[in-house]
Amino acid sequence: MNNLQRLEMETKGIQLDQSELTIYLQENNLQPFEPYNPESATSKKLIYQSALSILESLANNPQQMKNYKHEDMTISQFHENLMSRIDQLERKIRTLKTDEQLQNESNFFMLFGE
């Protein structure tokens, strides 16, 4: 699986041209056709950041939102769900560490007493 396919998996239901998805990935320092490394915390974080960029773009375009309206969901409900997902992704991205941060973590604790 490459980075482009992983981003499509993260943004299921949102139809964008491959060229648009490529731009979102490149803006987040990922090459679309390089293999996705699921063991890399940095890759995972960058995919989530790319997905967040897509959702924010969608939220900023009310005309495009009308295209995602379903029979049982109003546009306002869609917008509320979209904003909720954006908030979830932002929280998740803040808590994720990069590979570099994980390598620099220390696994011991020192307690000094008098």
N, C-alpha and C. Protein backbone atom coordinates (compact mmCIF):
# COMPACT_ATOMS: atom_id res chain seq x y z
N MET A 1 0.85 -1.17 0.00
CA MET A 1 0.00 0.00 0.00
C MET A 1 0.90 1.23 0.00
N ASN A 2 0.57 2.20 -0.84
CA ASN A 2 1.35 3.43 -0.85
C ASN A 2 0.64 4.52 -0.05
N ASN A 3 1.29 5.67 0.10
CA ASN A 3 0.74 6.76 0.90
C ASN A 3 -0.59 7.26 0.34
N LEU A 4 -0.73 7.30 -0.97
CA LEU A 4 -1.96 7.75 -1.60
C LEU A 4 -3.12 6.82 -1.26
N GLN A 5 -2.89 5.52 -1.33
CA GLN A 5 -3.92 4.55 -0.99
C GLN A 5 -4.30 4.64 0.48
N ARG A 6 -3.32 4.88 1.34
CA ARG A 6 -3.59 5.00 2.78
C ARG A 6 -4.43 6.24 3.06
N LEU A 7 -4.14 7.34 2.36
CA LEU A 7 -4.93 8.56 2.53
C LEU A 7 -6.36 8.34 2.04
N GLU A 8 -6.52 7.64 0.93
CA GLU A 8 -7.87 7.33 0.43
C GLU A 8 -8.63 6.48 1.44
N MET A 9 -7.93 5.56 2.11
CA MET A 9 -8.56 4.73 3.12
C MET A 9 -9.02 5.58 4.31
N GLU A 10 -8.23 6.57 4.68
CA GLU A 10 -8.56 7.44 5.81
C GLU A 10 -9.71 8.39 5.49
N THR A 11 -9.90 8.72 4.23
CA THR A 11 -10.93 9.68 3.83
C THR A 11 -12.01 9.03 2.97
N LYS A 12 -12.38 7.81 3.30
CA LYS A 12 -13.41 7.10 2.54
C LYS A 12 -14.67 7.93 2.45
N GLY A 13 -15.30 7.91 1.30
CA GLY A 13 -16.55 8.64 1.11
C GLY A 13 -16.35 10.04 0.57
N ILE A 14 -15.13 10.53 0.59
CA ILE A 14 -14.83 11.85 0.04
C ILE A 14 -14.11 11.62 -1.28
N GLN A 15 -14.76 12.00 -2.36
CA GLN A 15 -14.22 11.75 -3.69
C GLN A 15 -13.44 12.97 -4.17
N LEU A 16 -12.13 12.81 -4.29
CA LEU A 16 -11.26 13.84 -4.83
C LEU A 16 -10.40 13.24 -5.93
N ASP A 17 -9.98 14.08 -6.86
CA ASP A 17 -9.08 13.61 -7.91
C ASP A 17 -7.75 13.18 -7.29
N GLN A 18 -7.11 12.25 -7.94
CA GLN A 18 -5.82 11.77 -7.46
C GLN A 18 -4.80 12.91 -7.40
N SER A 19 -4.90 13.85 -8.33
CA SER A 19 -3.96 14.99 -8.33
C SER A 19 -4.17 15.86 -7.09
N GLU A 20 -5.42 16.03 -6.65
CA GLU A 20 -5.69 16.80 -5.45
C GLU A 20 -5.14 16.10 -4.21
N LEU A 21 -5.36 14.79 -4.13
CA LEU A 21 -4.84 14.03 -3.00
C LEU A 21 -3.32 14.09 -2.95
N THR A 22 -2.71 14.06 -4.12
CA THR A 22 -1.25 14.15 -4.23
C THR A 22 -0.75 15.46 -3.63
N ILE A 23 -1.44 16.55 -3.94
CA ILE A 23 -1.05 17.86 -3.41
C ILE A 23 -1.15 17.87 -1.88
N TYR A 24 -2.24 17.34 -1.34
CA TYR A 24 -2.39 17.29 0.11
C TYR A 24 -1.25 16.50 0.75
N LEU A 25 -0.88 15.39 0.14
CA LEU A 25 0.22 14.59 0.68
C LEU A 25 1.55 15.34 0.59
N GLN A 26 1.81 15.95 -0.54
CA GLN A 26 3.06 16.67 -0.72
C GLN A 26 3.17 17.87 0.23
N GLU A 27 2.06 18.52 0.49
CA GLU A 27 2.06 19.64 1.44
C GLU A 27 2.40 19.18 2.85
N ASN A 28 2.20 17.90 3.12
CA ASN A 28 2.52 17.34 4.43
C ASN A 28 3.77 16.45 4.37
N ASN A 29 4.63 16.72 3.40
CA ASN A 29 5.94 16.06 3.28
C ASN A 29 5.87 14.55 3.05
N LEU A 30 4.86 14.10 2.31
CA LEU A 30 4.76 12.70 1.93
C LEU A 30 4.72 12.58 0.41
N GLN A 31 5.39 11.59 -0.12
CA GLN A 31 5.32 11.32 -1.54
C GLN A 31 4.22 10.29 -1.78
N PRO A 32 3.31 10.55 -2.71
CA PRO A 32 2.12 9.72 -2.85
C PRO A 32 2.38 8.26 -3.21
N PHE A 33 3.41 7.99 -3.99
CA PHE A 33 3.61 6.62 -4.47
C PHE A 33 4.70 5.86 -3.72
N GLU A 34 5.22 6.45 -2.66
CA GLU A 34 6.15 5.72 -1.81
C GLU A 34 5.36 4.77 -0.93
N PRO A 35 5.93 3.64 -0.58
CA PRO A 35 5.21 2.69 0.27
C PRO A 35 4.88 3.31 1.64
N TYR A 36 3.68 3.03 2.11
CA TYR A 36 3.27 3.48 3.44
C TYR A 36 3.87 2.54 4.47
N ASN A 37 4.48 3.10 5.49
CA ASN A 37 5.08 2.30 6.54
C ASN A 37 4.20 2.38 7.79
N PRO A 38 3.39 1.35 8.06
CA PRO A 38 2.48 1.39 9.20
C PRO A 38 3.20 1.39 10.55
N GLU A 39 4.47 1.01 10.57
CA GLU A 39 5.23 0.99 11.81
C GLU A 39 5.86 2.34 12.14
N SER A 40 5.79 3.26 11.20
CA SER A 40 6.38 4.57 11.40
C SER A 40 5.35 5.53 12.01
N ALA A 41 5.66 6.03 13.19
CA ALA A 41 4.77 6.99 13.85
C ALA A 41 4.68 8.28 13.05
N THR A 42 5.79 8.66 12.41
CA THR A 42 5.81 9.88 11.61
C THR A 42 4.89 9.75 10.40
N SER A 43 4.95 8.62 9.71
CA SER A 43 4.08 8.41 8.54
C SER A 43 2.61 8.47 8.93
N LYS A 44 2.30 7.84 10.03
CA LYS A 44 0.92 7.82 10.50
C LYS A 44 0.44 9.24 10.82
N LYS A 45 1.27 10.00 11.50
CA LYS A 45 0.92 11.37 11.86
C LYS A 45 0.73 12.23 10.59
N LEU A 46 1.61 12.06 9.62
CA LEU A 46 1.52 12.84 8.38
C LEU A 46 0.28 12.48 7.55
N ILE A 47 -0.11 11.21 7.58
CA ILE A 47 -1.34 10.80 6.89
C ILE A 47 -2.54 11.47 7.56
N TYR A 48 -2.58 11.45 8.89
CA TYR A 48 -3.67 12.10 9.61
C TYR A 48 -3.69 13.60 9.35
N GLN A 49 -2.52 14.23 9.25
CA GLN A 49 -2.47 15.66 8.95
C GLN A 49 -3.00 15.93 7.54
N SER A 50 -2.70 15.06 6.60
CA SER A 50 -3.22 15.20 5.24
C SER A 50 -4.73 15.05 5.21
N ALA A 51 -5.24 14.07 5.95
CA ALA A 51 -6.69 13.87 6.03
C ALA A 51 -7.36 15.08 6.68
N LEU A 52 -6.74 15.63 7.70
CA LEU A 52 -7.26 16.83 8.36
C LEU A 52 -7.32 18.00 7.37
N SER A 53 -6.30 18.16 6.55
CA SER A 53 -6.29 19.22 5.54
C SER A 53 -7.46 19.07 4.57
N ILE A 54 -7.73 17.84 4.17
CA ILE A 54 -8.84 17.57 3.25
C ILE A 54 -10.17 17.94 3.91
N LEU A 55 -10.36 17.50 5.15
CA LEU A 55 -11.62 17.80 5.85
C LEU A 55 -11.81 19.29 6.08
N GLU A 56 -10.72 19.98 6.40
CA GLU A 56 -10.81 21.44 6.59
C GLU A 56 -11.17 22.14 5.28
N SER A 57 -10.60 21.67 4.18
CA SER A 57 -10.95 22.24 2.87
C SER A 57 -12.41 22.01 2.55
N LEU A 58 -12.88 20.83 2.86
CA LEU A 58 -14.29 20.50 2.62
C LEU A 58 -15.20 21.38 3.48
N ALA A 59 -14.82 21.58 4.73
CA ALA A 59 -15.62 22.41 5.64
C ALA A 59 -15.65 23.87 5.21
N ASN A 60 -14.62 24.31 4.51
CA ASN A 60 -14.55 25.70 4.05
C ASN A 60 -15.25 25.93 2.72
N ASN A 61 -15.85 24.89 2.15
CA ASN A 61 -16.50 25.01 0.86
C ASN A 61 -17.95 24.53 0.96
N PRO A 62 -18.87 25.42 1.36
CA PRO A 62 -20.27 25.02 1.54
C PRO A 62 -20.92 24.47 0.26
N GLN A 63 -20.51 24.97 -0.88
CA GLN A 63 -21.08 24.49 -2.14
C GLN A 63 -20.74 23.01 -2.35
N GLN A 64 -19.52 22.65 -2.03
CA GLN A 64 -19.11 21.25 -2.19
C GLN A 64 -19.80 20.37 -1.16
N MET A 65 -20.13 20.93 0.00
CA MET A 65 -20.82 20.15 1.03
C MET A 65 -22.17 19.65 0.54
N LYS A 66 -22.83 20.41 -0.30
CA LYS A 66 -24.13 19.99 -0.82
C LYS A 66 -24.01 18.69 -1.60
N ASN A 67 -22.85 18.45 -2.19
CA ASN A 67 -22.65 17.24 -2.96
C ASN A 67 -22.57 16.00 -2.07
N TYR A 68 -22.30 16.17 -0.78
CA TYR A 68 -22.17 15.05 0.13
C TYR A 68 -23.42 14.82 0.95
N LYS A 69 -24.50 15.48 0.62
CA LYS A 69 -25.75 15.32 1.35
C LYS A 69 -26.35 13.94 1.04
N HIS A 70 -26.78 13.26 2.09
CA HIS A 70 -27.42 11.96 1.94
C HIS A 70 -28.92 12.14 2.19
N GLU A 71 -29.71 11.12 1.83
CA GLU A 71 -31.17 11.22 1.97
C GLU A 71 -31.60 11.47 3.40
N ASP A 72 -30.95 10.82 4.36
CA ASP A 72 -31.37 10.90 5.75
C ASP A 72 -30.58 11.90 6.58
N MET A 73 -29.69 12.66 5.95
CA MET A 73 -28.85 13.60 6.70
C MET A 73 -28.92 14.97 6.05
N THR A 74 -29.21 15.98 6.85
CA THR A 74 -29.24 17.34 6.32
C THR A 74 -27.82 17.86 6.20
N ILE A 75 -27.66 18.97 5.51
CA ILE A 75 -26.34 19.56 5.36
C ILE A 75 -25.81 20.03 6.72
N SER A 76 -26.69 20.55 7.57
CA SER A 76 -26.23 21.01 8.88
C SER A 76 -25.74 19.83 9.73
N GLN A 77 -26.42 18.68 9.65
CA GLN A 77 -25.96 17.49 10.37
C GLN A 77 -24.62 17.02 9.81
N PHE A 78 -24.50 17.07 8.49
CA PHE A 78 -23.24 16.68 7.85
C PHE A 78 -22.11 17.60 8.34
N HIS A 79 -22.40 18.89 8.40
CA HIS A 79 -21.40 19.85 8.85
C HIS A 79 -21.01 19.60 10.31
N GLU A 80 -21.98 19.31 11.16
CA GLU A 80 -21.68 19.02 12.57
C GLU A 80 -20.81 17.77 12.68
N ASN A 81 -21.14 16.74 11.93
CA ASN A 81 -20.34 15.51 11.95
C ASN A 81 -18.94 15.77 11.42
N LEU A 82 -18.84 16.58 10.38
CA LEU A 82 -17.56 16.92 9.79
C LEU A 82 -16.70 17.68 10.80
N MET A 83 -17.27 18.66 11.46
CA MET A 83 -16.53 19.44 12.45
C MET A 83 -16.12 18.56 13.64
N SER A 84 -16.95 17.62 14.01
CA SER A 84 -16.62 16.69 15.08
C SER A 84 -15.42 15.83 14.68
N ARG A 85 -15.40 15.36 13.45
CA ARG A 85 -14.29 14.54 12.95
C ARG A 85 -13.01 15.37 12.88
N ILE A 86 -13.13 16.63 12.48
CA ILE A 86 -11.96 17.52 12.45
C ILE A 86 -11.38 17.67 13.85
N ASP A 87 -12.25 17.88 14.83
CA ASP A 87 -11.79 18.00 16.22
C ASP A 87 -11.10 16.72 16.70
N GLN A 88 -11.68 15.57 16.34
CA GLN A 88 -11.09 14.28 16.73
C GLN A 88 -9.70 14.13 16.13
N LEU A 89 -9.57 14.46 14.84
CA LEU A 89 -8.27 14.33 14.18
C LEU A 89 -7.25 15.28 14.79
N GLU A 90 -7.66 16.50 15.09
CA GLU A 90 -6.73 17.46 15.69
C GLU A 90 -6.21 16.94 17.03
N ARG A 91 -7.10 16.39 17.86
CA ARG A 91 -6.68 15.82 19.15
C ARG A 91 -5.73 14.65 18.94
N LYS A 92 -6.06 13.78 18.00
CA LYS A 92 -5.23 12.61 17.74
C LYS A 92 -3.84 13.03 17.25
N ILE A 93 -3.78 14.01 16.37
CA ILE A 93 -2.50 14.47 15.84
C ILE A 93 -1.65 15.07 16.94
N ARG A 94 -2.27 15.83 17.84
CA ARG A 94 -1.51 16.43 18.95
C ARG A 94 -0.90 15.37 19.86
N THR A 95 -1.58 14.25 20.03
CA THR A 95 -1.09 13.22 20.95
C THR A 95 -0.09 12.25 20.29
N LEU A 96 -0.11 12.15 18.96
CA LEU A 96 0.82 11.25 18.28
C LEU A 96 2.23 11.81 18.31
N LYS A 97 3.18 10.93 18.48
CA LYS A 97 4.59 11.32 18.47
C LYS A 97 5.20 10.90 17.15
N THR A 98 6.27 11.57 16.78
CA THR A 98 7.00 11.19 15.58
C THR A 98 8.02 10.12 15.94
N ASP A 99 8.63 9.52 14.93
CA ASP A 99 9.66 8.51 15.18
C ASP A 99 10.81 9.10 15.98
N GLU A 100 11.18 10.34 15.67
CA GLU A 100 12.28 11.01 16.37
C GLU A 100 11.95 11.21 17.85
N GLN A 101 10.74 11.62 18.14
CA GLN A 101 10.34 11.81 19.53
C GLN A 101 10.35 10.49 20.29
N LEU A 102 9.93 9.42 19.63
CA LEU A 102 9.93 8.11 20.28
C LEU A 102 11.35 7.63 20.58
N GLN A 103 12.30 7.93 19.69
CA GLN A 103 13.69 7.52 19.91
C GLN A 103 14.33 8.30 21.05
N ASN A 104 13.90 9.53 21.24
CA ASN A 104 14.50 10.38 22.27
C ASN A 104 13.88 10.18 23.64
N GLU A 105 12.86 9.35 23.74
CA GLU A 105 12.22 9.11 25.03
C GLU A 105 13.12 8.27 25.92
N SER A 106 13.09 8.59 27.17
CA SER A 106 13.86 7.82 28.15
C SER A 106 12.89 6.94 28.93
N ASN A 107 13.31 5.74 29.23
CA ASN A 107 12.44 4.80 29.93
C ASN A 107 12.77 4.68 31.41
N PHE A 108 13.53 5.59 31.96
CA PHE A 108 13.80 5.49 33.38
C PHE A 108 13.45 6.80 34.08
N PHE A 109 13.25 6.69 35.37
CA PHE A 109 12.82 7.81 36.18
C PHE A 109 13.78 7.93 37.36
N MET A 110 14.24 9.14 37.63
CA MET A 110 15.14 9.35 38.75
C MET A 110 14.42 10.15 39.81
N LEU A 111 14.51 9.67 41.03
CA LEU A 111 13.90 10.35 42.16
C LEU A 111 15.03 10.69 43.15
N PHE A 112 15.17 11.95 43.42
CA PHE A 112 16.22 12.38 44.33
C PHE A 112 15.62 12.72 45.68
N GLY A 113 16.25 12.29 46.71
CA GLY A 113 15.81 12.58 48.07
C GLY A 113 16.96 13.10 48.90
N GLU A 114 16.65 13.68 50.01
CA GLU A 114 17.71 14.21 50.86
C GLU A 114 18.07 13.25 51.95
